[in-house]
Structures are given as structure tokens and as C-alpha cells.
Amino acid sequence: MIDVGIHRIADAAAAKALLGHDAARWQAFETKGSAIVGDCHPRVEETAGAWTPVPGGVGPVTSAILLKHVVDAAAANR
């Protein structure tokens, strides 16, 4: 599974739960008042086969290829 979703959080309690282990990201949250995070909880890193940072992980080429695969799969199942 590849999770390419992101969202912005502005709630300090949620940010502390998600970013508290990452001092640099927590400091950036405190400075900006918000942070961009992925849709998966950071604890998934413990069992995931691979993990990319958010922001900066999956790029537009990967997203385009994934979308092409979805379209091809949908066309094949008609």
C-alpha cells in the first residue's frame, strides 16, 4: 500500500501526539502554528516495508504512475 495523502494540522494536542518524537518538526509546528502530516500515524513506520517523509516523500511522477495503474486496472475490469 502506498499512502500519498497529506493534510495540515493546527491542533496542538494532535500535533504533540504525532510530532512529539521529532524535535525539529515539533519546533517548526510551534513556530508556524501548523504542520503538514501524512494520513498514516507515524507508528506505522515500525511495521511498514518503507516510509517516506511528509512533506517531501512521494512526488508527482510517482502519483502520476499510480493514477495510470488505477486507470489501467479499471479499464481491464470492465
C-alpha atoms as a PDB file:
ATOM      1  CA  MET A   1       0.000   0.000   0.000  1.00  0.00           C
ATOM      2  CA  ILE A   2       1.196   3.496  -0.803  1.00  0.00           C
ATOM      3  CA  ASP A   3      -0.349   6.361   1.122  1.00  0.00           C
ATOM      4  CA  VAL A   4       0.007   9.628  -0.762  1.00  0.00           C
ATOM      5  CA  GLY A   5      -2.478  11.682   1.262  1.00  0.00           C
ATOM      6  CA  ILE A   6      -1.460  14.660   3.362  1.00  0.00           C
ATOM      7  CA  HIS A   7      -3.270  17.204   5.475  1.00  0.00           C
ATOM      8  CA  ARG A   8      -2.481  20.197   7.664  1.00  0.00           C
ATOM      9  CA  ILE A   9      -2.965  20.037  11.416  1.00  0.00           C
ATOM     10  CA  ALA A  10      -3.270  23.105  13.630  1.00  0.00           C
ATOM     11  CA  ASP A  11      -4.414  21.455  16.869  1.00  0.00           C
ATOM     12  CA  ALA A  12      -1.535  21.483  19.376  1.00  0.00           C
ATOM     13  CA  ALA A  13      -2.624  18.270  21.141  1.00  0.00           C
ATOM     14  CA  ALA A  14      -2.837  16.359  17.859  1.00  0.00           C
ATOM     15  CA  ALA A  15       0.488  17.801  16.743  1.00  0.00           C
ATOM     16  CA  LYS A  16       2.164  16.794  20.008  1.00  0.00           C
ATOM     17  CA  ALA A  17       0.855  13.239  19.620  1.00  0.00           C
ATOM     18  CA  LEU A  18       2.067  12.994  16.028  1.00  0.00           C
ATOM     19  CA  LEU A  19       5.234  15.105  16.116  1.00  0.00           C
ATOM     20  CA  GLY A  20       6.368  14.940  19.728  1.00  0.00           C
ATOM     21  CA  HIS A  21       9.046  12.349  18.929  1.00  0.00           C
ATOM     22  CA  ASP A  22      10.532  14.624  16.245  1.00  0.00           C
ATOM     23  CA  ALA A  23      12.004  17.672  17.962  1.00  0.00           C
ATOM     24  CA  ALA A  24      12.660  19.613  14.750  1.00  0.00           C
ATOM     25  CA  ARG A  25       9.127  19.133  13.403  1.00  0.00           C
ATOM     26  CA  TRP A  26       7.585  19.949  16.781  1.00  0.00           C
ATOM     27  CA  GLN A  27       9.641  23.161  16.935  1.00  0.00           C
ATOM     28  CA  ALA A  28       8.503  24.051  13.411  1.00  0.00           C
ATOM     29  CA  PHE A  29       4.886  23.445  14.446  1.00  0.00           C
ATOM     30  CA  GLU A  30       5.267  25.732  17.438  1.00  0.00           C
ATOM     31  CA  THR A  31       6.772  28.434  15.217  1.00  0.00           C
ATOM     32  CA  LYS A  32       4.213  28.199  12.387  1.00  0.00           C
ATOM     33  CA  GLY A  33       1.158  27.046  14.325  1.00  0.00           C
ATOM     34  CA  SER A  34       0.516  24.190  11.909  1.00  0.00           C
ATOM     35  CA  ALA A  35       2.226  21.261  10.197  1.00  0.00           C
ATOM     36  CA  ILE A  36       1.704  19.071   7.154  1.00  0.00           C
ATOM     37  CA  VAL A  37       1.384  15.395   8.070  1.00  0.00           C
ATOM     38  CA  GLY A  38       0.608  12.180   6.241  1.00  0.00           C
ATOM     39  CA  ASP A  39      -2.574  10.175   6.601  1.00  0.00           C
ATOM     40  CA  CYS A  40      -0.766   7.331   8.373  1.00  0.00           C
ATOM     41  CA  HIS A  41       0.200   7.580  12.020  1.00  0.00           C
ATOM     42  CA  PRO A  42       3.999   7.730  12.486  1.00  0.00           C
ATOM     43  CA  ARG A  43       3.885   4.453  14.461  1.00  0.00           C
ATOM     44  CA  VAL A  44       3.157   2.623  11.184  1.00  0.00           C
ATOM     45  CA  GLU A  45       6.850   3.150  10.430  1.00  0.00           C
ATOM     46  CA  GLU A  46       7.587   0.323  12.882  1.00  0.00           C
ATOM     47  CA  THR A  47       5.841  -2.251  10.651  1.00  0.00           C
ATOM     48  CA  ALA A  48       5.811  -0.673   7.187  1.00  0.00           C
ATOM     49  CA  GLY A  49       8.061  -2.021   4.483  1.00  0.00           C
ATOM     50  CA  ALA A  50       9.087   1.507   3.528  1.00  0.00           C
ATOM     51  CA  TRP A  51       8.423   5.021   4.750  1.00  0.00           C
ATOM     52  CA  THR A  52       8.831   8.391   3.051  1.00  0.00           C
ATOM     53  CA  PRO A  53       8.895  11.734   4.813  1.00  0.00           C
ATOM     54  CA  VAL A  54       5.987  14.188   4.800  1.00  0.00           C
ATOM     55  CA  PRO A  55       6.300  16.624   3.188  1.00  0.00           C
ATOM     56  CA  GLY A  56       8.822  15.630   0.547  1.00  0.00           C
ATOM     57  CA  GLY A  57       8.125  11.936   0.111  1.00  0.00           C
ATOM     58  CA  VAL A  58       6.066  10.774  -2.851  1.00  0.00           C
ATOM     59  CA  GLY A  59       6.417  13.144  -5.786  1.00  0.00           C
ATOM     60  CA  PRO A  60       4.350  13.979  -8.841  1.00  0.00           C
ATOM     61  CA  VAL A  61       5.884  11.256 -11.037  1.00  0.00           C
ATOM     62  CA  THR A  62       5.009   8.546  -8.516  1.00  0.00           C
ATOM     63  CA  SER A  63       1.496   9.953  -8.173  1.00  0.00           C
ATOM     64  CA  ALA A  64       1.053  10.001 -11.972  1.00  0.00           C
ATOM     65  CA  ILE A  65       2.236   6.402 -12.314  1.00  0.00           C
ATOM     66  CA  LEU A  66      -0.086   5.259  -9.519  1.00  0.00           C
ATOM     67  CA  LEU A  67      -3.008   7.018 -11.191  1.00  0.00           C
ATOM     68  CA  LYS A  68      -2.156   5.375 -14.529  1.00  0.00           C
ATOM     69  CA  HIS A  69      -2.149   1.959 -12.845  1.00  0.00           C
ATOM     70  CA  VAL A  70      -5.565   2.644 -11.323  1.00  0.00           C
ATOM     71  CA  VAL A  71      -6.984   3.686 -14.715  1.00  0.00           C
ATOM     72  CA  ASP A  72      -5.450   0.630 -16.401  1.00  0.00           C
ATOM     73  CA  ALA A  73      -6.851  -1.685 -13.727  1.00  0.00           C
ATOM     74  CA  ALA A  74     -10.312  -0.135 -14.004  1.00  0.00           C
ATOM     75  CA  ALA A  75     -10.241  -0.496 -17.808  1.00  0.00           C
ATOM     76  CA  ALA A  76      -9.163  -4.139 -17.543  1.00  0.00           C
ATOM     77  CA  ASN A  77     -12.091  -4.933 -15.205  1.00  0.00           C
ATOM     78  CA  ARG A  78     -14.880  -3.591 -17.439  1.00  0.00           C
END
